[in-house]
C-alpha atoms as a PDB file:
ATOM      1  CA  UNK A   1      21.958 -61.643  90.224  1.00  0.00           C
ATOM      2  CA  UNK A   2      22.030 -65.366  89.447  1.00  0.00           C
ATOM      3  CA  UNK A   3      25.149 -67.084  88.167  1.00  0.00           C
ATOM      4  CA  UNK A   4      25.116 -69.434  85.175  1.00  0.00           C
ATOM      5  CA  UNK A   5      25.110 -72.531  87.386  1.00  0.00           C
ATOM      6  CA  UNK A   6      22.115 -71.316  89.354  1.00  0.00           C
ATOM      7  CA  UNK A   7      20.318 -70.469  86.113  1.00  0.00           C
ATOM      8  CA  UNK A   8      21.110 -73.884  84.628  1.00  0.00           C
ATOM      9  CA  UNK A   9      19.959 -75.718  87.723  1.00  0.00           C
ATOM     10  CA  UNK A  10      16.644 -73.831  87.621  1.00  0.00           C
ATOM     11  CA  UNK A  11      16.017 -74.819  83.996  1.00  0.00           C
ATOM     12  CA  UNK A  12      16.587 -78.562  84.297  1.00  0.00           C
ATOM     13  CA  UNK A  13      13.346 -80.379  85.138  1.00  0.00           C
ATOM     14  CA  UNK A  14      13.356 -82.173  88.473  1.00  0.00           C
ATOM     15  CA  UNK A  15      12.626 -85.546  86.893  1.00  0.00           C
ATOM     16  CA  UNK A  16      15.983 -85.359  85.070  1.00  0.00           C
ATOM     17  CA  UNK A  17      17.962 -84.816  88.261  1.00  0.00           C
ATOM     18  CA  UNK A  18      19.350 -88.077  89.598  1.00  0.00           C
ATOM     19  CA  UNK A  19      19.960 -88.811  93.241  1.00  0.00           C
ATOM     20  CA  UNK A  20      23.560 -88.789  94.338  1.00  0.00           C
ATOM     21  CA  UNK A  21      24.700 -86.546  91.496  1.00  0.00           C
ATOM     22  CA  UNK A  22      27.178 -83.743  91.995  1.00  0.00           C
ATOM     23  CA  UNK A  23      24.870 -81.233  90.331  1.00  0.00           C
ATOM     24  CA  UNK A  24      24.849 -78.772  93.220  1.00  0.00           C
ATOM     25  CA  UNK A  25      28.654 -78.733  93.346  1.00  0.00           C
ATOM     26  CA  UNK A  26      28.872 -78.252  89.583  1.00  0.00           C
ATOM     27  CA  UNK A  27      26.295 -75.459  89.733  1.00  0.00           C
ATOM     28  CA  UNK A  28      28.385 -73.656  92.358  1.00  0.00           C
ATOM     29  CA  UNK A  29      31.512 -74.170  90.244  1.00  0.00           C
ATOM     30  CA  UNK A  30      29.791 -72.594  87.240  1.00  0.00           C
ATOM     31  CA  UNK A  31      28.668 -69.656  89.395  1.00  0.00           C
ATOM     32  CA  UNK A  32      32.283 -69.111  90.527  1.00  0.00           C
ATOM     33  CA  UNK A  33      33.446 -69.254  86.909  1.00  0.00           C
ATOM     34  CA  UNK A  34      30.921 -66.663  85.778  1.00  0.00           C
ATOM     35  CA  UNK A  35      29.434 -66.323  82.317  1.00  0.00           C
ATOM     36  CA  UNK A  36      32.683 -65.676  80.421  1.00  0.00           C
ATOM     37  CA  UNK A  37      34.552 -68.681  81.787  1.00  0.00           C
ATOM     38  CA  UNK A  38      31.475 -70.888  81.359  1.00  0.00           C
ATOM     39  CA  UNK A  39      31.319 -69.821  77.735  1.00  0.00           C
ATOM     40  CA  UNK A  40      34.981 -70.777  77.286  1.00  0.00           C
ATOM     41  CA  UNK A  41      34.270 -74.132  78.970  1.00  0.00           C
ATOM     42  CA  UNK A  42      30.959 -74.831  77.211  1.00  0.00           C
ATOM     43  CA  UNK A  43      32.173 -78.201  75.877  1.00  0.00           C
ATOM     44  CA  UNK A  44      33.083 -79.326  79.410  1.00  0.00           C
ATOM     45  CA  UNK A  45      29.688 -78.236  80.715  1.00  0.00           C
ATOM     46  CA  UNK A  46      27.874 -80.060  77.925  1.00  0.00           C
ATOM     47  CA  UNK A  47      29.958 -83.180  78.546  1.00  0.00           C
ATOM     48  CA  UNK A  48      29.094 -83.039  82.249  1.00  0.00           C
ATOM     49  CA  UNK A  49      25.366 -82.675  81.542  1.00  0.00           C
ATOM     50  CA  UNK A  50      25.391 -85.542  79.036  1.00  0.00           C
ATOM     51  CA  UNK A  51      27.305 -87.785  81.426  1.00  0.00           C
ATOM     52  CA  UNK A  52      24.801 -87.023  84.203  1.00  0.00           C
ATOM     53  CA  UNK A  53      21.893 -87.684  81.844  1.00  0.00           C
ATOM     54  CA  UNK A  54      23.308 -91.123  81.034  1.00  0.00           C
ATOM     55  CA  UNK A  55      22.732 -92.020  84.705  1.00  0.00           C
ATOM     56  CA  UNK A  56      19.088 -90.977  84.605  1.00  0.00           C
ATOM     57  CA  UNK A  57      16.425 -93.586  83.834  1.00  0.00           C
ATOM     58  CA  UNK A  58      14.200 -91.150  81.915  1.00  0.00           C
ATOM     59  CA  UNK A  59      16.982 -89.558  79.868  1.00  0.00           C
ATOM     60  CA  UNK A  60      18.205 -92.999  78.760  1.00  0.00           C
ATOM     61  CA  UNK A  61      15.106 -93.242  76.544  1.00  0.00           C
ATOM     62  CA  UNK A  62      16.168 -90.281  74.405  1.00  0.00           C
ATOM     63  CA  UNK A  63      18.649 -90.460  71.496  1.00  0.00           C
ATOM     64  CA  UNK A  64      22.130 -89.317  72.537  1.00  0.00           C
ATOM     65  CA  UNK A  65      22.155 -86.576  69.899  1.00  0.00           C
ATOM     66  CA  UNK A  66      18.964 -85.126  71.332  1.00  0.00           C
ATOM     67  CA  UNK A  67      20.365 -85.234  74.881  1.00  0.00           C
ATOM     68  CA  UNK A  68      23.519 -83.436  73.749  1.00  0.00           C
ATOM     69  CA  UNK A  69      21.543 -80.861  71.791  1.00  0.00           C
ATOM     70  CA  UNK A  70      19.315 -80.120  74.784  1.00  0.00           C
ATOM     71  CA  UNK A  71      22.316 -79.934  77.133  1.00  0.00           C
ATOM     72  CA  UNK A  72      23.949 -77.401  74.823  1.00  0.00           C
ATOM     73  CA  UNK A  73      20.753 -75.341  74.585  1.00  0.00           C
ATOM     74  CA  UNK A  74      20.335 -75.282  78.380  1.00  0.00           C
ATOM     75  CA  UNK A  75      23.980 -74.342  78.969  1.00  0.00           C
ATOM     76  CA  UNK A  76      23.916 -71.492  76.456  1.00  0.00           C
ATOM     77  CA  UNK A  77      20.598 -70.203  77.774  1.00  0.00           C
ATOM     78  CA  UNK A  78      21.907 -70.301  81.362  1.00  0.00           C
ATOM     79  CA  UNK A  79      24.917 -68.210  80.340  1.00  0.00           C
ATOM     80  CA  UNK A  80      22.674 -65.760  78.489  1.00  0.00           C
ATOM     81  CA  UNK A  81      20.302 -65.407  81.444  1.00  0.00           C
ATOM     82  CA  UNK A  82      23.201 -64.927  83.810  1.00  0.00           C
ATOM     83  CA  UNK A  83      24.492 -62.052  81.713  1.00  0.00           C
ATOM     84  CA  UNK A  84      21.038 -60.470  81.527  1.00  0.00           C
ATOM     85  CA  UNK A  85      20.577 -60.570  85.286  1.00  0.00           C
ATOM     86  CA  UNK A  86      23.568 -58.268  85.896  1.00  0.00           C
END
């Protein structure tokens, strides 16, 4: 059974992950929260993903609206997958 943070981490392409980010810690935090709490904190998760993307050289080439939209899609899908894996 994978938590939402583990699911999210697996979906994000490696070339979007920046060195020195706190992604692993955030993934573990999301796993501790579980799907329900992640759903309640979806805006915080999206904000975190967007803020991390702004540090990434590749992601900087995409419009901010597209980055936010993709972050939201990944977060929601991670929560969904986490629920399905129970």
